[in-house]
Every structure is written in C-alpha cells, then in structure tokens.
C-alpha cells in the first residue's frame, strides 16, 4: 500500500507542475499588452556596448559588469515607455515572476516525491533522474499542445465567422 501512495504522491506533484505551467501560459496569453508599441519603444533605445571579452578572465567581474550593463539598459527601456505601456509591462513581469515561483516550488516538490518513490521501490537512482528530466518536458509539451490546439480552434471559428 505504501507503494501506491508513493506513486500517487509522485504523479500528483508532477500534475502540480503541469498545472502551474499551463495556468501561467493561459494568464500570460490573456494579459492585455501592446507588444508592438512596447517593442518599438524598446528598439528606439540604443543597445549598450558589449563588455570586453578580456573581462571573462575574471568571471565574477565580467558577470557583475554584465548585470550592471543589463540593469542600465532595462532602466532606459522602462523610461522610454509611456505610463500605460510601463503598467502593462510591469503587470506581465509580475505575473510571470509569480508563476515562475509557483512552478519552481512545484518542481522541487515533484523532485522530492520522485526521489522518494524511486527509493521506496528500490529502483536504480538513474530512474529518478530520467523522470526528473522527462516529466517537465511532458508538462511543457502538454501546455504547448493545448495552447496550439486552442489557437487553431479559435482561428477556425474566426474563419467560419468571417466566411473565409
């Protein structure tokens, strides 16, 4: 009976990952955002120069310089947006960040339950790693399939409504 609970816990944990990824995709796709205007505003801001490749001889310094460079560029892009575009962008970033936290937490719990299940059944350790690699691919694949299916159905309905 313990084995059945271990399997249920493992499957349930991976379903939480799939649900978080799918719900994130749905909510972010519905987010009211004027992508074209935001892209135009951000392309008007000049790209910062790359740091010299020599800095990679000191990786922590190169990393810090790259972070500083990216932060300055992001600040310039944000200041180039009007108030509505800025609000849309921040809303999108906040929702995506929140869902990233939820999906990461679910992934970590799923990893633990997978490891526990493999241990309970005394399976080889490689089995856990195979599941931990393949299960997220399956979760993301499900989301992609559902989003594409929804888009196809909506496009077909739109064509039928417009007579094309």
C-alpha atoms as a PDB file:
ATOM      1  CA  UNK A   1       0.000   0.000   0.000  1.00  0.00           C
ATOM      2  CA  UNK A   2       2.918   2.348   0.692  1.00  0.00           C
ATOM      3  CA  UNK A   3       3.975   1.983  -2.934  1.00  0.00           C
ATOM      4  CA  UNK A   4       0.580   3.148  -4.177  1.00  0.00           C
ATOM      5  CA  UNK A   5       0.823   6.266  -2.019  1.00  0.00           C
ATOM      6  CA  UNK A   6       4.339   6.943  -3.279  1.00  0.00           C
ATOM      7  CA  UNK A   7       3.157   6.689  -6.895  1.00  0.00           C
ATOM      8  CA  UNK A   8       0.128   8.912  -6.198  1.00  0.00           C
ATOM      9  CA  UNK A   9       2.348  11.486  -4.486  1.00  0.00           C
ATOM     10  CA  UNK A  10       4.765  11.498  -7.392  1.00  0.00           C
ATOM     11  CA  UNK A  11       2.063  11.809 -10.047  1.00  0.00           C
ATOM     12  CA  UNK A  12       0.231  14.450  -8.023  1.00  0.00           C
ATOM     13  CA  UNK A  13       3.387  16.518  -7.676  1.00  0.00           C
ATOM     14  CA  UNK A  14       4.041  16.456 -11.408  1.00  0.00           C
ATOM     15  CA  UNK A  15       0.413  17.412 -12.040  1.00  0.00           C
ATOM     16  CA  UNK A  16       1.023  20.488  -9.867  1.00  0.00           C
ATOM     17  CA  UNK A  17       3.958  21.380 -12.119  1.00  0.00           C
ATOM     18  CA  UNK A  18       1.852  20.872 -15.245  1.00  0.00           C
ATOM     19  CA  UNK A  19      -0.998  22.904 -13.779  1.00  0.00           C
ATOM     20  CA  UNK A  20       1.249  25.812 -12.827  1.00  0.00           C
ATOM     21  CA  UNK A  21       2.880  25.922 -16.263  1.00  0.00           C
ATOM     22  CA  UNK A  22      -0.462  25.659 -18.061  1.00  0.00           C
ATOM     23  CA  UNK A  23      -2.179  28.279 -15.898  1.00  0.00           C
ATOM     24  CA  UNK A  24       0.786  30.628 -16.359  1.00  0.00           C
ATOM     25  CA  UNK A  25       0.557  30.239 -20.134  1.00  0.00           C
ATOM     26  CA  UNK A  26      -3.184  30.919 -20.079  1.00  0.00           C
ATOM     27  CA  UNK A  27      -2.928  34.002 -17.879  1.00  0.00           C
ATOM     28  CA  UNK A  28       0.064  35.467 -19.680  1.00  0.00           C
ATOM     29  CA  UNK A  29      -1.574  34.909 -23.072  1.00  0.00           C
ATOM     30  CA  UNK A  30      -4.648  36.813 -21.852  1.00  0.00           C
ATOM     31  CA  UNK A  31      -2.593  39.685 -20.481  1.00  0.00           C
ATOM     32  CA  UNK A  32      -3.558  42.977 -22.140  1.00  0.00           C
ATOM     33  CA  UNK A  33      -0.257  44.158 -23.519  1.00  0.00           C
ATOM     34  CA  UNK A  34       0.541  46.233 -26.600  1.00  0.00           C
ATOM     35  CA  UNK A  35       3.564  44.227 -27.700  1.00  0.00           C
ATOM     36  CA  UNK A  36       4.119  46.168 -30.915  1.00  0.00           C
ATOM     37  CA  UNK A  37       4.238  49.597 -29.239  1.00  0.00           C
ATOM     38  CA  UNK A  38       6.466  48.294 -26.450  1.00  0.00           C
ATOM     39  CA  UNK A  39       8.818  46.700 -28.988  1.00  0.00           C
ATOM     40  CA  UNK A  40       9.009  49.970 -30.920  1.00  0.00           C
ATOM     41  CA  UNK A  41       9.764  51.945 -27.773  1.00  0.00           C
ATOM     42  CA  UNK A  42      12.455  49.498 -26.670  1.00  0.00           C
ATOM     43  CA  UNK A  43      14.059  49.363 -30.127  1.00  0.00           C
ATOM     44  CA  UNK A  44      14.371  53.166 -30.036  1.00  0.00           C
ATOM     45  CA  UNK A  45      16.755  52.787 -27.082  1.00  0.00           C
ATOM     46  CA  UNK A  46      20.290  52.074 -28.243  1.00  0.00           C
ATOM     47  CA  UNK A  47      21.829  48.792 -27.181  1.00  0.00           C
ATOM     48  CA  UNK A  48      24.736  49.141 -24.764  1.00  0.00           C
ATOM     49  CA  UNK A  49      28.181  48.130 -25.922  1.00  0.00           C
ATOM     50  CA  UNK A  50      29.314  44.636 -25.017  1.00  0.00           C
ATOM     51  CA  UNK A  51      31.930  44.341 -22.339  1.00  0.00           C
ATOM     52  CA  UNK A  52      35.386  43.364 -23.464  1.00  0.00           C
ATOM     53  CA  UNK A  53      35.919  39.615 -23.714  1.00  0.00           C
ATOM     54  CA  UNK A  54      39.051  40.123 -21.614  1.00  0.00           C
ATOM     55  CA  UNK A  55      36.849  40.612 -18.558  1.00  0.00           C
ATOM     56  CA  UNK A  56      35.956  36.913 -18.744  1.00  0.00           C
ATOM     57  CA  UNK A  57      39.438  36.173 -17.443  1.00  0.00           C
ATOM     58  CA  UNK A  58      37.902  37.351 -14.154  1.00  0.00           C
ATOM     59  CA  UNK A  59      34.418  35.762 -14.356  1.00  0.00           C
ATOM     60  CA  UNK A  60      32.929  37.400 -11.234  1.00  0.00           C
ATOM     61  CA  UNK A  61      33.932  40.839 -12.526  1.00  0.00           C
ATOM     62  CA  UNK A  62      32.589  40.063 -16.009  1.00  0.00           C
ATOM     63  CA  UNK A  63      29.323  38.850 -14.507  1.00  0.00           C
ATOM     64  CA  UNK A  64      28.973  41.990 -12.373  1.00  0.00           C
ATOM     65  CA  UNK A  65      29.695  44.219 -15.379  1.00  0.00           C
ATOM     66  CA  UNK A  66      27.117  42.361 -17.475  1.00  0.00           C
ATOM     67  CA  UNK A  67      24.497  42.682 -14.736  1.00  0.00           C
ATOM     68  CA  UNK A  68      25.186  46.407 -14.392  1.00  0.00           C
ATOM     69  CA  UNK A  69      25.048  46.834 -18.189  1.00  0.00           C
ATOM     70  CA  UNK A  70      21.717  44.948 -18.421  1.00  0.00           C
ATOM     71  CA  UNK A  71      20.241  46.900 -15.489  1.00  0.00           C
ATOM     72  CA  UNK A  72      21.116  50.251 -17.064  1.00  0.00           C
ATOM     73  CA  UNK A  73      19.653  49.155 -20.396  1.00  0.00           C
ATOM     74  CA  UNK A  74      16.453  47.913 -18.733  1.00  0.00           C
ATOM     75  CA  UNK A  75      16.096  51.251 -16.893  1.00  0.00           C
ATOM     76  CA  UNK A  76      16.500  53.164 -20.162  1.00  0.00           C
ATOM     77  CA  UNK A  77      13.888  50.989 -21.884  1.00  0.00           C
ATOM     78  CA  UNK A  78      11.447  51.394 -18.977  1.00  0.00           C
ATOM     79  CA  UNK A  79      11.866  55.171 -19.042  1.00  0.00           C
ATOM     80  CA  UNK A  80      11.155  55.166 -22.813  1.00  0.00           C
ATOM     81  CA  UNK A  81       7.718  53.599 -22.246  1.00  0.00           C
ATOM     82  CA  UNK A  82       4.650  55.706 -21.602  1.00  0.00           C
ATOM     83  CA  UNK A  83       2.663  55.179 -18.384  1.00  0.00           C
ATOM     84  CA  UNK A  84       0.236  52.643 -19.883  1.00  0.00           C
ATOM     85  CA  UNK A  85       2.995  50.625 -21.579  1.00  0.00           C
ATOM     86  CA  UNK A  86       5.008  50.633 -18.357  1.00  0.00           C
ATOM     87  CA  UNK A  87       1.987  49.401 -16.389  1.00  0.00           C
ATOM     88  CA  UNK A  88       1.354  46.618 -18.933  1.00  0.00           C
ATOM     89  CA  UNK A  89       4.996  45.557 -18.911  1.00  0.00           C
ATOM     90  CA  UNK A  90       5.269  45.515 -15.129  1.00  0.00           C
ATOM     91  CA  UNK A  91       1.993  43.596 -14.807  1.00  0.00           C
ATOM     92  CA  UNK A  92       3.270  40.983 -17.274  1.00  0.00           C
ATOM     93  CA  UNK A  93       6.638  40.694 -15.482  1.00  0.00           C
ATOM     94  CA  UNK A  94       4.975  40.416 -12.071  1.00  0.00           C
ATOM     95  CA  UNK A  95       2.562  37.681 -13.206  1.00  0.00           C
ATOM     96  CA  UNK A  96       5.293  35.738 -14.978  1.00  0.00           C
ATOM     97  CA  UNK A  97       7.551  36.038 -11.931  1.00  0.00           C
ATOM     98  CA  UNK A  98       4.800  34.816  -9.639  1.00  0.00           C
ATOM     99  CA  UNK A  99       4.048  31.824 -11.817  1.00  0.00           C
ATOM    100  CA  UNK A 100       7.764  31.070 -12.078  1.00  0.00           C
ATOM    101  CA  UNK A 101       7.923  30.871  -8.286  1.00  0.00           C
ATOM    102  CA  UNK A 102       4.862  28.586  -8.134  1.00  0.00           C
ATOM    103  CA  UNK A 103       6.153  26.300 -10.907  1.00  0.00           C
ATOM    104  CA  UNK A 104       9.635  26.134  -9.360  1.00  0.00           C
ATOM    105  CA  UNK A 105       8.182  25.215  -5.970  1.00  0.00           C
ATOM    106  CA  UNK A 106       6.029  22.523  -7.564  1.00  0.00           C
ATOM    107  CA  UNK A 107       9.052  21.235  -9.497  1.00  0.00           C
ATOM    108  CA  UNK A 108      11.122  20.968  -6.314  1.00  0.00           C
ATOM    109  CA  UNK A 109       8.328  19.114  -4.512  1.00  0.00           C
ATOM    110  CA  UNK A 110       7.913  16.814  -7.506  1.00  0.00           C
ATOM    111  CA  UNK A 111      11.637  16.090  -7.459  1.00  0.00           C
ATOM    112  CA  UNK A 112      11.446  15.119  -3.786  1.00  0.00           C
ATOM    113  CA  UNK A 113       8.404  12.892  -4.278  1.00  0.00           C
ATOM    114  CA  UNK A 114      10.017  11.289  -7.333  1.00  0.00           C
ATOM    115  CA  UNK A 115      13.187  10.612  -5.377  1.00  0.00           C
ATOM    116  CA  UNK A 116      11.149   9.159  -2.506  1.00  0.00           C
ATOM    117  CA  UNK A 117       9.143   6.915  -4.833  1.00  0.00           C
ATOM    118  CA  UNK A 118      12.287   5.592  -6.516  1.00  0.00           C
ATOM    119  CA  UNK A 119      13.816   4.978  -3.094  1.00  0.00           C
ATOM    120  CA  UNK A 120      10.661   3.206  -1.812  1.00  0.00           C
ATOM    121  CA  UNK A 121      10.671   0.811  -4.761  1.00  0.00           C
ATOM    122  CA  UNK A 122      14.474   0.386  -4.577  1.00  0.00           C
ATOM    123  CA  UNK A 123      14.803   1.333  -8.236  1.00  0.00           C
ATOM    124  CA  UNK A 124      18.138   2.489  -9.650  1.00  0.00           C
ATOM    125  CA  UNK A 125      18.955   6.146  -8.967  1.00  0.00           C
ATOM    126  CA  UNK A 126      19.073   6.789 -12.711  1.00  0.00           C
ATOM    127  CA  UNK A 127      15.315   6.183 -12.799  1.00  0.00           C
ATOM    128  CA  UNK A 128      14.720   9.261 -10.653  1.00  0.00           C
ATOM    129  CA  UNK A 129      16.898  11.399 -12.903  1.00  0.00           C
ATOM    130  CA  UNK A 130      15.141  10.135 -16.026  1.00  0.00           C
ATOM    131  CA  UNK A 131      11.755  11.007 -14.527  1.00  0.00           C
ATOM    132  CA  UNK A 132      13.014  14.397 -13.301  1.00  0.00           C
ATOM    133  CA  UNK A 133      14.156  15.223 -16.850  1.00  0.00           C
ATOM    134  CA  UNK A 134      11.244  13.743 -18.821  1.00  0.00           C
ATOM    135  CA  UNK A 135       8.329  14.820 -16.597  1.00  0.00           C
ATOM    136  CA  UNK A 136       8.906  18.593 -17.023  1.00  0.00           C
ATOM    137  CA  UNK A 137       9.264  18.085 -20.780  1.00  0.00           C
ATOM    138  CA  UNK A 138       5.905  16.314 -20.715  1.00  0.00           C
ATOM    139  CA  UNK A 139       4.359  19.128 -18.631  1.00  0.00           C
ATOM    140  CA  UNK A 140       5.621  21.806 -21.014  1.00  0.00           C
ATOM    141  CA  UNK A 141       4.658  19.708 -24.039  1.00  0.00           C
ATOM    142  CA  UNK A 142       1.115  19.430 -22.710  1.00  0.00           C
ATOM    143  CA  UNK A 143       0.903  23.207 -22.313  1.00  0.00           C
ATOM    144  CA  UNK A 144       2.266  23.862 -25.799  1.00  0.00           C
ATOM    145  CA  UNK A 145      -0.133  21.310 -27.315  1.00  0.00           C
ATOM    146  CA  UNK A 146      -3.134  22.810 -25.536  1.00  0.00           C
ATOM    147  CA  UNK A 147      -2.210  26.391 -26.459  1.00  0.00           C
ATOM    148  CA  UNK A 148      -1.694  25.451 -30.131  1.00  0.00           C
ATOM    149  CA  UNK A 149      -4.944  23.477 -30.157  1.00  0.00           C
ATOM    150  CA  UNK A 150      -6.829  26.427 -28.662  1.00  0.00           C
ATOM    151  CA  UNK A 151      -5.318  28.834 -31.193  1.00  0.00           C
ATOM    152  CA  UNK A 152      -6.223  26.511 -34.089  1.00  0.00           C
ATOM    153  CA  UNK A 153      -9.811  26.156 -32.885  1.00  0.00           C
ATOM    154  CA  UNK A 154     -10.156  29.915 -32.412  1.00  0.00           C
ATOM    155  CA  UNK A 155      -8.675  30.571 -35.870  1.00  0.00           C
ATOM    156  CA  UNK A 156     -11.063  28.040 -37.429  1.00  0.00           C
ATOM    157  CA  UNK A 157     -14.021  29.668 -35.653  1.00  0.00           C
ATOM    158  CA  UNK A 158     -12.843  33.117 -36.743  1.00  0.00           C
ATOM    159  CA  UNK A 159     -12.574  31.962 -40.374  1.00  0.00           C
ATOM    160  CA  UNK A 160     -16.085  30.472 -40.193  1.00  0.00           C
ATOM    161  CA  UNK A 161     -17.471  33.701 -38.734  1.00  0.00           C
ATOM    162  CA  UNK A 162     -15.852  35.855 -41.417  1.00  0.00           C
ATOM    163  CA  UNK A 163     -16.857  33.491 -44.236  1.00  0.00           C
ATOM    164  CA  UNK A 164     -13.340  32.540 -45.318  1.00  0.00           C
END
